[in-house]
C-alpha atoms as a PDB file:
ATOM      1  CA  MET A   1      21.173 -62.721-167.495  1.00  0.00           C
ATOM      2  CA  LEU A   2      22.807 -66.062-166.664  1.00  0.00           C
ATOM      3  CA  LYS A   3      22.602 -69.522-168.102  1.00  0.00           C
ATOM      4  CA  GLU A   4      22.698 -72.555-165.820  1.00  0.00           C
ATOM      5  CA  ASP A   5      26.464 -72.880-166.376  1.00  0.00           C
ATOM      6  CA  GLY A   6      26.976 -69.445-164.823  1.00  0.00           C
ATOM      7  CA  ALA A   7      27.769 -67.703-168.096  1.00  0.00           C
ATOM      8  CA  ALA A   8      26.049 -64.400-168.857  1.00  0.00           C
ATOM      9  CA  THR A   9      23.571 -64.266-171.734  1.00  0.00           C
ATOM     10  CA  GLY A  10      23.402 -60.496-172.189  1.00  0.00           C
ATOM     11  CA  GLY A  11      21.387 -57.729-170.535  1.00  0.00           C
ATOM     12  CA  ARG A  12      21.868 -55.968-167.228  1.00  0.00           C
ATOM     13  CA  LEU A  13      22.546 -58.419-164.378  1.00  0.00           C
ATOM     14  CA  LYS A  14      19.881 -58.236-161.682  1.00  0.00           C
ATOM     15  CA  ILE A  15      21.225 -59.354-158.301  1.00  0.00           C
ATOM     16  CA  LEU A  16      19.546 -60.257-155.032  1.00  0.00           C
ATOM     17  CA  VAL A  17      21.815 -59.920-151.997  1.00  0.00           C
ATOM     18  CA  CYS A  18      21.165 -62.085-148.921  1.00  0.00           C
ATOM     19  CA  VAL A  19      22.617 -60.900-145.602  1.00  0.00           C
ATOM     20  CA  SER A  20      22.502 -61.677-141.890  1.00  0.00           C
ATOM     21  CA  GLY A  21      24.507 -58.935-140.180  1.00  0.00           C
ATOM     22  CA  GLY A  22      26.193 -55.602-140.694  1.00  0.00           C
ATOM     23  CA  GLY A  23      26.242 -55.775-144.470  1.00  0.00           C
ATOM     24  CA  THR A  24      29.831 -54.696-145.095  1.00  0.00           C
ATOM     25  CA  ASN A  25      30.005 -56.870-148.190  1.00  0.00           C
ATOM     26  CA  LEU A  26      26.659 -55.449-149.325  1.00  0.00           C
ATOM     27  CA  GLN A  27      28.191 -52.004-148.929  1.00  0.00           C
ATOM     28  CA  ALA A  28      31.204 -53.096-150.993  1.00  0.00           C
ATOM     29  CA  ILE A  29      28.817 -54.130-153.768  1.00  0.00           C
ATOM     30  CA  ILE A  30      26.870 -50.858-153.546  1.00  0.00           C
ATOM     31  CA  ASP A  31      30.111 -48.865-153.657  1.00  0.00           C
ATOM     32  CA  GLY A  32      31.420 -51.000-156.516  1.00  0.00           C
ATOM     33  CA  ILE A  33      28.361 -50.277-158.627  1.00  0.00           C
ATOM     34  CA  LYS A  34      28.606 -46.549-157.876  1.00  0.00           C
ATOM     35  CA  SER A  35      32.292 -46.424-158.815  1.00  0.00           C
ATOM     36  CA  ASN A  36      31.829 -48.602-161.913  1.00  0.00           C
ATOM     37  CA  ALA A  37      34.112 -51.278-160.475  1.00  0.00           C
ATOM     38  CA  ILE A  38      30.992 -53.408-161.004  1.00  0.00           C
ATOM     39  CA  THR A  39      29.375 -52.729-164.372  1.00  0.00           C
ATOM     40  CA  ASN A  40      26.222 -53.885-166.120  1.00  0.00           C
ATOM     41  CA  THR A  41      24.662 -54.722-162.734  1.00  0.00           C
ATOM     42  CA  GLU A  42      21.867 -53.553-160.439  1.00  0.00           C
ATOM     43  CA  ILE A  43      20.761 -54.656-156.978  1.00  0.00           C
ATOM     44  CA  ILE A  44      17.063 -55.387-157.191  1.00  0.00           C
ATOM     45  CA  SER A  45      16.479 -56.623-153.638  1.00  0.00           C
ATOM     46  CA  VAL A  46      18.056 -57.419-150.264  1.00  0.00           C
ATOM     47  CA  ILE A  47      16.792 -60.208-148.009  1.00  0.00           C
ATOM     48  CA  SER A  48      17.885 -60.747-144.406  1.00  0.00           C
ATOM     49  CA  ASN A  49      17.018 -63.473-141.915  1.00  0.00           C
ATOM     50  CA  ASN A  50      17.714 -61.028-139.068  1.00  0.00           C
ATOM     51  CA  LYS A  51      15.366 -58.138-138.285  1.00  0.00           C
ATOM     52  CA  LYS A  52      18.194 -56.240-136.568  1.00  0.00           C
ATOM     53  CA  ALA A  53      20.693 -56.593-139.410  1.00  0.00           C
ATOM     54  CA  TYR A  54      22.282 -53.234-140.188  1.00  0.00           C
ATOM     55  CA  ALA A  55      22.396 -54.385-143.801  1.00  0.00           C
ATOM     56  CA  LEU A  56      18.676 -53.577-143.975  1.00  0.00           C
ATOM     57  CA  VAL A  57      19.475 -49.989-143.012  1.00  0.00           C
ATOM     58  CA  ARG A  58      22.156 -49.804-145.696  1.00  0.00           C
ATOM     59  CA  ALA A  59      19.638 -51.008-148.273  1.00  0.00           C
ATOM     60  CA  ALA A  60      16.997 -48.513-147.144  1.00  0.00           C
ATOM     61  CA  GLU A  61      19.477 -45.643-147.353  1.00  0.00           C
ATOM     62  CA  GLU A  62      20.125 -46.562-150.994  1.00  0.00           C
ATOM     63  CA  GLY A  63      16.457 -47.025-151.862  1.00  0.00           C
ATOM     64  CA  ILE A  64      16.916 -50.745-152.453  1.00  0.00           C
ATOM     65  CA  PRO A  65      13.832 -52.896-151.721  1.00  0.00           C
ATOM     66  CA  ALA A  66      14.587 -54.993-148.638  1.00  0.00           C
ATOM     67  CA  LEU A  67      12.769 -57.393-146.356  1.00  0.00           C
ATOM     68  CA  CYS A  68      13.379 -59.733-143.456  1.00  0.00           C
ATOM     69  CA  ILE A  69      12.324 -63.360-143.563  1.00  0.00           C
ATOM     70  CA  SER A  70      13.259 -64.912-140.241  1.00  0.00           C
ATOM     71  CA  PRO A  71      13.010 -68.613-139.331  1.00  0.00           C
ATOM     72  CA  LYS A  72      11.740 -67.413-135.947  1.00  0.00           C
ATOM     73  CA  ASP A  73       8.512 -66.268-137.595  1.00  0.00           C
ATOM     74  CA  TYR A  74       7.599 -69.720-138.937  1.00  0.00           C
ATOM     75  CA  GLU A  75       6.456 -72.909-137.258  1.00  0.00           C
ATOM     76  CA  ASP A  76       9.224 -74.984-138.780  1.00  0.00           C
ATOM     77  CA  ARG A  77      12.127 -74.891-141.221  1.00  0.00           C
ATOM     78  CA  GLU A  78       9.999 -76.191-144.056  1.00  0.00           C
ATOM     79  CA  ALA A  79       7.578 -73.266-143.748  1.00  0.00           C
ATOM     80  CA  PHE A  80      10.485 -70.834-143.609  1.00  0.00           C
ATOM     81  CA  ASN A  81      12.062 -72.399-146.695  1.00  0.00           C
ATOM     82  CA  ARG A  82       8.814 -72.026-148.618  1.00  0.00           C
ATOM     83  CA  ALA A  83       8.464 -68.363-147.659  1.00  0.00           C
ATOM     84  CA  PHE A  84      12.109 -67.635-148.418  1.00  0.00           C
ATOM     85  CA  LEU A  85      11.996 -69.325-151.822  1.00  0.00           C
ATOM     86  CA  LYS A  86       8.748 -67.546-152.677  1.00  0.00           C
ATOM     87  CA  ALA A  87      10.353 -64.154-151.901  1.00  0.00           C
ATOM     88  CA  VAL A  88      13.398 -64.998-154.016  1.00  0.00           C
ATOM     89  CA  GLN A  89      11.253 -66.065-156.948  1.00  0.00           C
ATOM     90  CA  ALA A  90       9.128 -62.921-156.626  1.00  0.00           C
ATOM     91  CA  ALA A  91      12.252 -60.752-156.853  1.00  0.00           C
ATOM     92  CA  GLY A  92      13.286 -62.499-160.070  1.00  0.00           C
ATOM     93  CA  PRO A  93      17.086 -62.243-159.782  1.00  0.00           C
ATOM     94  CA  ASP A  94      19.585 -63.339-162.396  1.00  0.00           C
ATOM     95  CA  LEU A  95      22.186 -63.888-159.661  1.00  0.00           C
ATOM     96  CA  ILE A  96      21.853 -64.434-155.898  1.00  0.00           C
ATOM     97  CA  VAL A  97      24.742 -63.159-153.780  1.00  0.00           C
ATOM     98  CA  LEU A  98      25.208 -64.572-150.279  1.00  0.00           C
ATOM     99  CA  ALA A  99      27.073 -61.788-148.484  1.00  0.00           C
ATOM    100  CA  GLY A 100      27.410 -63.066-144.944  1.00  0.00           C
ATOM    101  CA  PHE A 101      24.144 -65.019-145.033  1.00  0.00           C
ATOM    102  CA  LEU A 102      24.083 -67.526-142.161  1.00  0.00           C
ATOM    103  CA  VAL A 103      21.239 -69.677-143.403  1.00  0.00           C
ATOM    104  CA  VAL A 104      21.383 -73.094-145.076  1.00  0.00           C
ATOM    105  CA  LEU A 105      19.653 -72.733-148.436  1.00  0.00           C
ATOM    106  CA  PRO A 106      16.796 -75.066-149.384  1.00  0.00           C
ATOM    107  CA  GLU A 107      17.972 -77.722-151.853  1.00  0.00           C
ATOM    108  CA  GLU A 108      15.072 -76.763-154.126  1.00  0.00           C
ATOM    109  CA  MET A 109      16.526 -73.262-154.368  1.00  0.00           C
ATOM    110  CA  ILE A 110      20.025 -74.504-155.150  1.00  0.00           C
ATOM    111  CA  ALA A 111      18.664 -76.786-157.878  1.00  0.00           C
ATOM    112  CA  GLY A 112      16.484 -74.017-159.314  1.00  0.00           C
ATOM    113  CA  TYR A 113      19.335 -71.498-159.419  1.00  0.00           C
ATOM    114  CA  ARG A 114      22.193 -73.804-160.404  1.00  0.00           C
ATOM    115  CA  ASN A 115      25.408 -71.790-160.852  1.00  0.00           C
ATOM    116  CA  ARG A 116      23.422 -68.609-160.240  1.00  0.00           C
ATOM    117  CA  ILE A 117      24.198 -68.341-156.506  1.00  0.00           C
ATOM    118  CA  ILE A 118      27.575 -67.145-155.217  1.00  0.00           C
ATOM    119  CA  ASN A 119      28.981 -66.965-151.695  1.00  0.00           C
ATOM    120  CA  ILE A 120      31.898 -65.160-150.038  1.00  0.00           C
ATOM    121  CA  HIS A 121      33.806 -67.239-147.481  1.00  0.00           C
ATOM    122  CA  PRO A 122      36.556 -65.787-145.232  1.00  0.00           C
ATOM    123  CA  SER A 123      39.268 -68.366-145.900  1.00  0.00           C
ATOM    124  CA  LEU A 124      41.181 -69.934-148.753  1.00  0.00           C
ATOM    125  CA  ILE A 125      38.939 -72.913-149.470  1.00  0.00           C
ATOM    126  CA  PRO A 126      39.438 -75.854-148.867  1.00  0.00           C
ATOM    127  CA  SER A 127      41.044 -74.629-145.623  1.00  0.00           C
ATOM    128  CA  PHE A 128      38.808 -73.637-142.683  1.00  0.00           C
ATOM    129  CA  CYS A 129      35.511 -74.199-144.424  1.00  0.00           C
ATOM    130  CA  GLY A 130      32.484 -76.450-144.210  1.00  0.00           C
ATOM    131  CA  LYS A 131      30.003 -77.018-141.422  1.00  0.00           C
ATOM    132  CA  GLY A 132      30.605 -74.816-138.373  1.00  0.00           C
ATOM    133  CA  PHE A 133      33.103 -72.512-140.079  1.00  0.00           C
ATOM    134  CA  TYR A 134      31.586 -69.033-140.245  1.00  0.00           C
ATOM    135  CA  GLY A 135      32.298 -65.534-138.950  1.00  0.00           C
ATOM    136  CA  LEU A 136      34.955 -65.244-136.263  1.00  0.00           C
ATOM    137  CA  LYS A 137      35.112 -69.034-135.892  1.00  0.00           C
ATOM    138  CA  VAL A 138      37.035 -69.222-139.183  1.00  0.00           C
ATOM    139  CA  HIS A 139      39.689 -66.787-137.979  1.00  0.00           C
ATOM    140  CA  GLU A 140      39.897 -68.383-134.548  1.00  0.00           C
ATOM    141  CA  LYS A 141      40.712 -71.732-136.131  1.00  0.00           C
ATOM    142  CA  ALA A 142      43.216 -70.191-138.532  1.00  0.00           C
ATOM    143  CA  LEU A 143      45.086 -68.599-135.623  1.00  0.00           C
ATOM    144  CA  GLU A 144      44.906 -71.793-133.575  1.00  0.00           C
ATOM    145  CA  ARG A 145      46.485 -73.693-136.462  1.00  0.00           C
ATOM    146  CA  GLY A 146      49.201 -71.087-136.830  1.00  0.00           C
ATOM    147  CA  VAL A 147      48.837 -70.482-140.548  1.00  0.00           C
ATOM    148  CA  LYS A 148      50.920 -67.689-142.033  1.00  0.00           C
ATOM    149  CA  VAL A 149      48.521 -66.895-144.868  1.00  0.00           C
ATOM    150  CA  THR A 150      44.737 -66.862-144.990  1.00  0.00           C
ATOM    151  CA  GLY A 151      42.305 -65.001-147.247  1.00  0.00           C
ATOM    152  CA  ALA A 152      38.871 -65.195-148.837  1.00  0.00           C
ATOM    153  CA  THR A 153      37.096 -67.164-151.547  1.00  0.00           C
ATOM    154  CA  VAL A 154      34.133 -66.438-153.812  1.00  0.00           C
ATOM    155  CA  HIS A 155      32.475 -69.592-155.074  1.00  0.00           C
ATOM    156  CA  PHE A 156      29.296 -70.824-156.668  1.00  0.00           C
ATOM    157  CA  VAL A 157      26.946 -72.569-154.248  1.00  0.00           C
ATOM    158  CA  ASP A 158      26.037 -76.236-154.550  1.00  0.00           C
ATOM    159  CA  GLU A 159      24.406 -78.736-152.183  1.00  0.00           C
ATOM    160  CA  GLY A 160      27.532 -79.033-150.034  1.00  0.00           C
ATOM    161  CA  THR A 161      28.937 -76.499-147.578  1.00  0.00           C
ATOM    162  CA  ASP A 162      31.596 -74.352-149.282  1.00  0.00           C
ATOM    163  CA  THR A 163      32.085 -77.042-151.929  1.00  0.00           C
ATOM    164  CA  GLY A 164      30.928 -75.289-155.120  1.00  0.00           C
ATOM    165  CA  PRO A 165      33.181 -74.190-157.998  1.00  0.00           C
ATOM    166  CA  ILE A 166      35.708 -71.538-156.936  1.00  0.00           C
ATOM    167  CA  ILE A 167      35.526 -68.237-158.833  1.00  0.00           C
ATOM    168  CA  LEU A 168      38.177 -66.069-157.144  1.00  0.00           C
ATOM    169  CA  GLN A 169      40.534 -66.228-154.178  1.00  0.00           C
ATOM    170  CA  LYS A 170      42.808 -63.646-152.566  1.00  0.00           C
ATOM    171  CA  ALA A 171      45.481 -64.271-149.953  1.00  0.00           C
ATOM    172  CA  VAL A 172      46.017 -62.148-146.833  1.00  0.00           C
ATOM    173  CA  ALA A 173      49.003 -62.331-144.488  1.00  0.00           C
ATOM    174  CA  VAL A 174      48.546 -63.305-140.847  1.00  0.00           C
ATOM    175  CA  GLU A 175      50.505 -60.890-138.661  1.00  0.00           C
ATOM    176  CA  ALA A 176      52.139 -61.299-135.250  1.00  0.00           C
ATOM    177  CA  GLY A 177      49.734 -60.422-132.461  1.00  0.00           C
ATOM    178  CA  ASP A 178      46.626 -60.934-134.569  1.00  0.00           C
ATOM    179  CA  THR A 179      43.361 -61.626-132.800  1.00  0.00           C
ATOM    180  CA  PRO A 180      40.353 -63.151-134.538  1.00  0.00           C
ATOM    181  CA  GLU A 181      38.889 -59.643-134.728  1.00  0.00           C
ATOM    182  CA  THR A 182      41.939 -57.971-136.274  1.00  0.00           C
ATOM    183  CA  LEU A 183      42.384 -60.820-138.733  1.00  0.00           C
ATOM    184  CA  GLN A 184      38.717 -60.709-139.686  1.00  0.00           C
ATOM    185  CA  LYS A 185      38.972 -56.982-140.385  1.00  0.00           C
ATOM    186  CA  ARG A 186      42.087 -57.395-142.545  1.00  0.00           C
ATOM    187  CA  VAL A 187      40.550 -60.254-144.529  1.00  0.00           C
ATOM    188  CA  MET A 188      37.443 -58.169-145.177  1.00  0.00           C
ATOM    189  CA  GLU A 189      39.357 -55.065-146.220  1.00  0.00           C
ATOM    190  CA  GLN A 190      42.088 -56.732-148.271  1.00  0.00           C
ATOM    191  CA  ALA A 191      40.206 -59.678-149.749  1.00  0.00           C
ATOM    192  CA  GLU A 192      36.423 -59.891-149.339  1.00  0.00           C
ATOM    193  CA  TRP A 193      35.636 -56.329-150.387  1.00  0.00           C
ATOM    194  CA  VAL A 194      37.942 -56.758-153.377  1.00  0.00           C
ATOM    195  CA  ILE A 195      37.047 -60.130-154.848  1.00  0.00           C
ATOM    196  CA  LEU A 196      33.278 -60.152-154.281  1.00  0.00           C
ATOM    197  CA  PRO A 197      32.687 -57.034-156.427  1.00  0.00           C
ATOM    198  CA  LYS A 198      35.210 -58.335-158.970  1.00  0.00           C
ATOM    199  CA  ALA A 199      33.440 -61.700-159.223  1.00  0.00           C
ATOM    200  CA  ILE A 200      30.061 -60.018-159.750  1.00  0.00           C
ATOM    201  CA  ASP A 201      31.508 -57.800-162.474  1.00  0.00           C
ATOM    202  CA  MET A 202      33.081 -60.799-164.214  1.00  0.00           C
ATOM    203  CA  ILE A 203      29.773 -62.687-164.159  1.00  0.00           C
ATOM    204  CA  ALA A 204      27.824 -59.631-165.339  1.00  0.00           C
ATOM    205  CA  ASN A 205      30.127 -59.249-168.316  1.00  0.00           C
ATOM    206  CA  GLY A 206      30.227 -62.867-169.413  1.00  0.00           C
ATOM    207  CA  ARG A 207      33.735 -63.625-168.197  1.00  0.00           C
ATOM    208  CA  ILE A 208      32.879 -66.618-166.005  1.00  0.00           C
ATOM    209  CA  ALA A 209      31.526 -70.058-166.846  1.00  0.00           C
ATOM    210  CA  VAL A 210      31.449 -73.430-165.105  1.00  0.00           C
ATOM    211  CA  GLU A 211      32.627 -76.507-166.967  1.00  0.00           C
ATOM    212  CA  GLU A 212      32.819 -79.970-165.418  1.00  0.00           C
ATOM    213  CA  GLY A 213      32.440 -78.516-161.930  1.00  0.00           C
ATOM    214  CA  ARG A 214      35.262 -76.013-162.305  1.00  0.00           C
ATOM    215  CA  CYS A 215      35.243 -72.275-162.879  1.00  0.00           C
ATOM    216  CA  ILE A 216      36.888 -70.880-165.986  1.00  0.00           C
ATOM    217  CA  GLU A 217      37.514 -67.297-167.018  1.00  0.00           C
ATOM    218  CA  THR A 218      36.169 -67.237-170.555  1.00  0.00           C
ATOM    219  CA  ASP A 219      38.300 -64.447-172.010  1.00  0.00           C
ATOM    220  CA  LYS A 220      41.616 -65.433-170.435  1.00  0.00           C
ATOM    221  CA  GLY A 221      41.367 -69.199-170.282  1.00  0.00           C
ATOM    222  CA  GLY A 222      41.792 -69.530-166.542  1.00  0.00           C
ATOM    223  CA  CYS A 223      40.298 -68.694-163.171  1.00  0.00           C
ATOM    224  CA  SER A 224      42.614 -67.181-160.564  1.00  0.00           C
END
């Protein structure tokens, strides 16, 4: 369980994973739970906004309840937001994990799950983040800028875009001849699939809290 400040209150952490595409980060979480890299945690549900998302197949193969709630099936964004929030509340998660979820969350949901929603972003925030920076676009911009190091960030979600308290970051080298696709793959393998499971495990075991808008690691006195 989690308090509003993001700190665990005891008991097995129930997580809801939201996805839009292939679900590689979902798979990293599934594998992390199986290998005990993530402890004291269970995935109770997967929600996608995309009927064709392979992440739904991954969930089905593991026997994880999953459903699609697509904006295309509703008359407007407000109706979609209501349906989405209702499904989240019905699942009853302690923590919501956005694992490649390309949907802007309703503000009511962010307020209701303060410091109980985390996101994985494929850059070292505050670089290459914010509105319009998602998927390959992040890596395209990083290569255009000529940075030598990029990476990934796990952060709590607030009302801004990629502006919530940072939990973990991991750097990845940019190599000569990189394309957006090769860089994306390296960032996923070397950073995203490492720090997202680690962040979930830290939260599940009471090692993370948020104080004055910043993340702290409660048993080591710092967040790296």
